[in-house]
């Protein structure tokens, strides 16, 4: 009886989760372009992923998760030979031999609705200008249909102030700016439209 009760509760919870319209989005690790300058003690791919997660996690009716190969669904798919381990590395916004987006294929194994995958196209720091620059491209993909909902390429810049001397401060600022721009584009596409308050005009009373 206890097991039946637990099953009923689980079904109610699942139904409630689906009924509220919440969608799940997985963020895949970024690939790296040729114009990426190595930086000491700074992993631009990880920083960019975390910055984008921070931008997206508060979008209404959206649950955001970061891809991990240790996810039980992924490990099971590997064990069952439904996907090869070499398909779990960037870039994820490329098409497989059958035309399926890699992000959509892996996203389907995770059971999510949406996937975002991209690449760090450019990343550098100029010690003379004391400025960092980063360009991030990516695609938001509908996992079920394979449709690209948003395709972006945004640049961020960060510059040290006169009292700063750590280049990573400028790098973090550049990544945050690019992530903010990408987040805004995704938010515009996914966030439900806000209802505008109804303004009721008061009729003027005739002069007596």
Protein backbone atom coordinates (compact mmCIF):
# COMPACT_ATOMS: atom_id res chain seq x y z
CA UNK A 1 0.00 0.00 0.00
CA UNK A 2 2.83 2.37 0.84
CA UNK A 3 4.38 1.88 -2.60
CA UNK A 4 1.04 2.63 -4.29
CA UNK A 5 0.67 5.78 -2.22
CA UNK A 6 4.18 6.91 -3.14
CA UNK A 7 3.43 6.28 -6.81
CA UNK A 8 0.26 8.36 -6.64
CA UNK A 9 2.15 11.23 -4.98
CA UNK A 10 4.88 11.05 -7.63
CA UNK A 11 2.28 11.17 -10.39
CA UNK A 12 0.65 14.22 -8.85
CA UNK A 13 4.00 15.97 -8.53
CA UNK A 14 4.91 15.18 -12.14
CA UNK A 15 1.55 16.37 -13.39
CA UNK A 16 1.89 19.58 -11.40
CA UNK A 17 5.36 20.22 -12.79
CA UNK A 18 4.14 19.76 -16.37
CA UNK A 19 0.97 21.75 -15.81
CA UNK A 20 2.76 24.87 -14.66
CA UNK A 21 4.45 25.18 -18.05
CA UNK A 22 8.02 24.96 -16.72
CA UNK A 23 10.59 24.06 -19.37
CA UNK A 24 14.06 22.64 -18.79
CA UNK A 25 17.14 24.06 -20.51
CA UNK A 26 20.58 22.48 -20.48
CA UNK A 27 23.72 24.58 -20.96
CA UNK A 28 26.49 22.68 -22.71
CA UNK A 29 30.22 23.42 -22.26
CA UNK A 30 31.58 25.93 -24.75
CA UNK A 31 33.93 24.96 -27.54
CA UNK A 32 37.02 27.04 -28.26
CA UNK A 33 37.84 28.96 -31.42
CA UNK A 34 41.27 29.66 -32.89
CA UNK A 35 41.39 33.25 -31.60
CA UNK A 36 41.39 32.30 -27.92
CA UNK A 37 44.44 33.53 -26.02
CA UNK A 38 45.53 31.25 -23.16
CA UNK A 39 45.16 32.88 -19.76
CA UNK A 40 46.90 31.89 -16.57
CA UNK A 41 44.53 30.86 -13.78
CA UNK A 42 41.45 31.73 -15.85
CA UNK A 43 39.23 29.20 -17.60
CA UNK A 44 37.14 31.26 -20.00
CA UNK A 45 34.85 28.36 -20.94
CA UNK A 46 33.89 27.70 -17.31
CA UNK A 47 33.56 31.41 -16.51
CA UNK A 48 31.31 31.97 -19.53
CA UNK A 49 29.09 29.00 -18.68
CA UNK A 50 28.67 30.15 -15.07
CA UNK A 51 28.00 33.74 -16.13
CA UNK A 52 25.33 32.65 -18.60
CA UNK A 53 23.74 30.37 -16.01
CA UNK A 54 23.46 33.35 -13.66
CA UNK A 55 21.70 35.32 -16.40
CA UNK A 56 19.17 32.59 -17.24
CA UNK A 57 18.30 30.97 -13.92
CA UNK A 58 15.72 33.61 -12.96
CA UNK A 59 13.71 33.49 -16.20
CA UNK A 60 10.12 32.60 -15.22
CA UNK A 61 8.95 29.03 -15.94
CA UNK A 62 12.46 27.92 -16.89
CA UNK A 63 14.68 25.44 -15.05
CA UNK A 64 18.33 25.71 -16.08
CA UNK A 65 20.97 23.03 -15.56
CA UNK A 66 24.58 22.67 -16.61
CA UNK A 67 25.55 19.55 -18.56
CA UNK A 68 27.57 16.94 -16.73
CA UNK A 69 28.71 13.66 -18.19
CA UNK A 70 28.14 12.07 -14.78
CA UNK A 71 24.39 12.59 -15.10
CA UNK A 72 22.71 9.17 -14.54
CA UNK A 73 20.78 9.40 -17.83
CA UNK A 74 24.01 10.00 -19.74
CA UNK A 75 25.92 7.24 -17.97
CA UNK A 76 23.08 4.82 -18.70
CA UNK A 77 23.04 5.84 -22.38
CA UNK A 78 26.80 5.20 -22.59
CA UNK A 79 26.46 1.79 -20.91
CA UNK A 80 23.67 0.86 -23.30
CA UNK A 81 25.68 2.03 -26.34
CA UNK A 82 23.06 4.63 -27.24
CA UNK A 83 25.76 7.29 -27.47
CA UNK A 84 29.53 7.28 -27.69
CA UNK A 85 31.61 9.13 -25.14
CA UNK A 86 33.37 11.13 -27.87
CA UNK A 87 29.98 12.74 -28.71
CA UNK A 88 29.92 14.34 -25.27
CA UNK A 89 32.59 16.96 -25.91
CA UNK A 90 32.30 20.45 -27.48
CA UNK A 91 31.28 21.73 -29.89
CA UNK A 92 27.69 20.70 -29.23
CA UNK A 93 26.11 23.08 -31.75
CA UNK A 94 27.20 20.99 -34.72
CA UNK A 95 25.14 18.53 -36.70
CA UNK A 96 25.68 14.79 -36.52
CA UNK A 97 25.91 12.60 -39.63
CA UNK A 98 22.11 12.18 -39.67
CA UNK A 99 21.56 15.94 -39.53
CA UNK A 100 20.57 16.02 -35.86
CA UNK A 101 22.08 18.76 -33.72
CA UNK A 102 24.42 17.15 -31.21
CA UNK A 103 22.94 19.37 -28.50
CA UNK A 104 19.44 18.13 -29.36
CA UNK A 105 20.52 14.49 -29.37
CA UNK A 106 22.18 14.70 -25.96
CA UNK A 107 19.40 16.92 -24.65
CA UNK A 108 16.87 14.23 -25.58
CA UNK A 109 18.80 11.72 -23.46
CA UNK A 110 18.50 14.15 -20.55
CA UNK A 111 14.79 14.64 -21.17
CA UNK A 112 15.04 18.44 -21.41
CA UNK A 113 13.09 20.79 -23.66
CA UNK A 114 15.82 23.23 -24.71
CA UNK A 115 19.57 23.24 -25.17
CA UNK A 116 22.10 26.04 -25.53
CA UNK A 117 25.49 25.30 -27.05
CA UNK A 118 28.18 27.58 -28.38
CA UNK A 119 31.80 28.53 -28.71
CA UNK A 120 34.28 31.09 -27.43
CA UNK A 121 35.24 32.71 -30.73
CA UNK A 122 37.72 35.26 -29.40
CA UNK A 123 39.35 35.91 -26.06
CA UNK A 124 42.33 38.13 -25.34
CA UNK A 125 43.84 40.67 -22.97
CA UNK A 126 45.85 43.69 -24.10
CA UNK A 127 48.31 44.77 -21.36
CA UNK A 128 48.87 48.13 -23.05
CA UNK A 129 45.18 49.02 -23.14
CA UNK A 130 44.58 47.04 -19.92
CA UNK A 131 41.51 45.67 -21.67
CA UNK A 132 40.03 42.19 -22.14
CA UNK A 133 37.73 41.23 -24.99
CA UNK A 134 35.64 38.11 -25.54
CA UNK A 135 33.25 37.06 -28.30
CA UNK A 136 30.82 34.23 -27.62
CA UNK A 137 28.54 32.62 -30.20
CA UNK A 138 25.82 30.08 -29.62
CA UNK A 139 22.47 28.58 -30.52
CA UNK A 140 19.36 27.95 -28.46
CA UNK A 141 17.84 24.74 -29.83
CA UNK A 142 14.43 23.15 -29.36
CA UNK A 143 15.36 19.58 -28.44
CA UNK A 144 12.23 17.93 -29.83
CA UNK A 145 12.00 19.72 -33.18
CA UNK A 146 15.66 20.59 -33.71
CA UNK A 147 14.67 24.17 -34.51
CA UNK A 148 17.18 26.91 -33.73
CA UNK A 149 15.18 29.41 -31.68
CA UNK A 150 17.96 31.94 -31.11
CA UNK A 151 21.35 32.31 -32.77
CA UNK A 152 23.70 34.83 -31.19
CA UNK A 153 27.23 36.19 -31.32
CA UNK A 154 28.01 38.80 -28.69
CA UNK A 155 31.15 40.63 -27.65
CA UNK A 156 32.05 41.81 -24.16
CA UNK A 157 34.82 44.13 -23.00
CA UNK A 158 36.36 44.78 -19.62
CA UNK A 159 39.01 47.30 -18.66
CA UNK A 160 41.07 47.72 -15.52
CA UNK A 161 40.70 50.92 -13.56
CA UNK A 162 43.77 52.90 -12.54
CA UNK A 163 43.95 51.22 -9.13
CA UNK A 164 43.60 47.65 -10.46
CA UNK A 165 46.41 45.40 -11.70
CA UNK A 166 44.89 41.90 -12.02
CA UNK A 167 44.04 41.12 -15.68
CA UNK A 168 41.47 38.57 -14.53
CA UNK A 169 39.29 41.41 -13.23
CA UNK A 170 39.01 42.74 -16.78
CA UNK A 171 38.46 39.22 -18.14
CA UNK A 172 35.61 38.56 -15.71
CA UNK A 173 33.98 41.87 -16.64
CA UNK A 174 34.24 41.09 -20.36
CA UNK A 175 32.70 37.63 -19.95
CA UNK A 176 29.92 39.01 -17.76
CA UNK A 177 29.05 41.66 -20.36
CA UNK A 178 28.86 39.13 -23.20
CA UNK A 179 26.80 36.74 -21.06
CA UNK A 180 24.40 39.54 -20.18
CA UNK A 181 23.79 40.27 -23.88
CA UNK A 182 23.23 36.59 -24.68
CA UNK A 183 20.97 36.20 -21.68
CA UNK A 184 18.87 39.16 -22.80
CA UNK A 185 18.37 37.61 -26.25
CA UNK A 186 17.31 34.27 -24.75
CA UNK A 187 15.07 35.95 -22.18
CA UNK A 188 13.30 37.89 -24.94
CA UNK A 189 12.58 34.62 -26.76
CA UNK A 190 11.55 32.51 -23.77
CA UNK A 191 10.13 34.77 -21.09
CA UNK A 192 6.34 35.10 -21.13
CA UNK A 193 5.11 38.54 -22.17
CA UNK A 194 4.35 40.82 -19.28
CA UNK A 195 0.80 42.02 -19.01
CA UNK A 196 0.46 45.76 -19.25
CA UNK A 197 -1.78 47.32 -16.61
CA UNK A 198 -5.12 48.46 -17.91
CA UNK A 199 -5.53 52.19 -17.67
CA UNK A 200 -9.11 53.30 -17.19
CA UNK A 201 -9.75 56.82 -18.33
CA UNK A 202 -12.07 58.80 -16.14
CA UNK A 203 -14.73 60.71 -17.96
CA UNK A 204 -14.66 64.39 -17.35
CA UNK A 205 -17.72 65.73 -15.64
CA UNK A 206 -19.41 68.56 -17.54
CA UNK A 207 -19.03 71.97 -16.01
CA UNK A 208 -22.12 73.10 -14.18
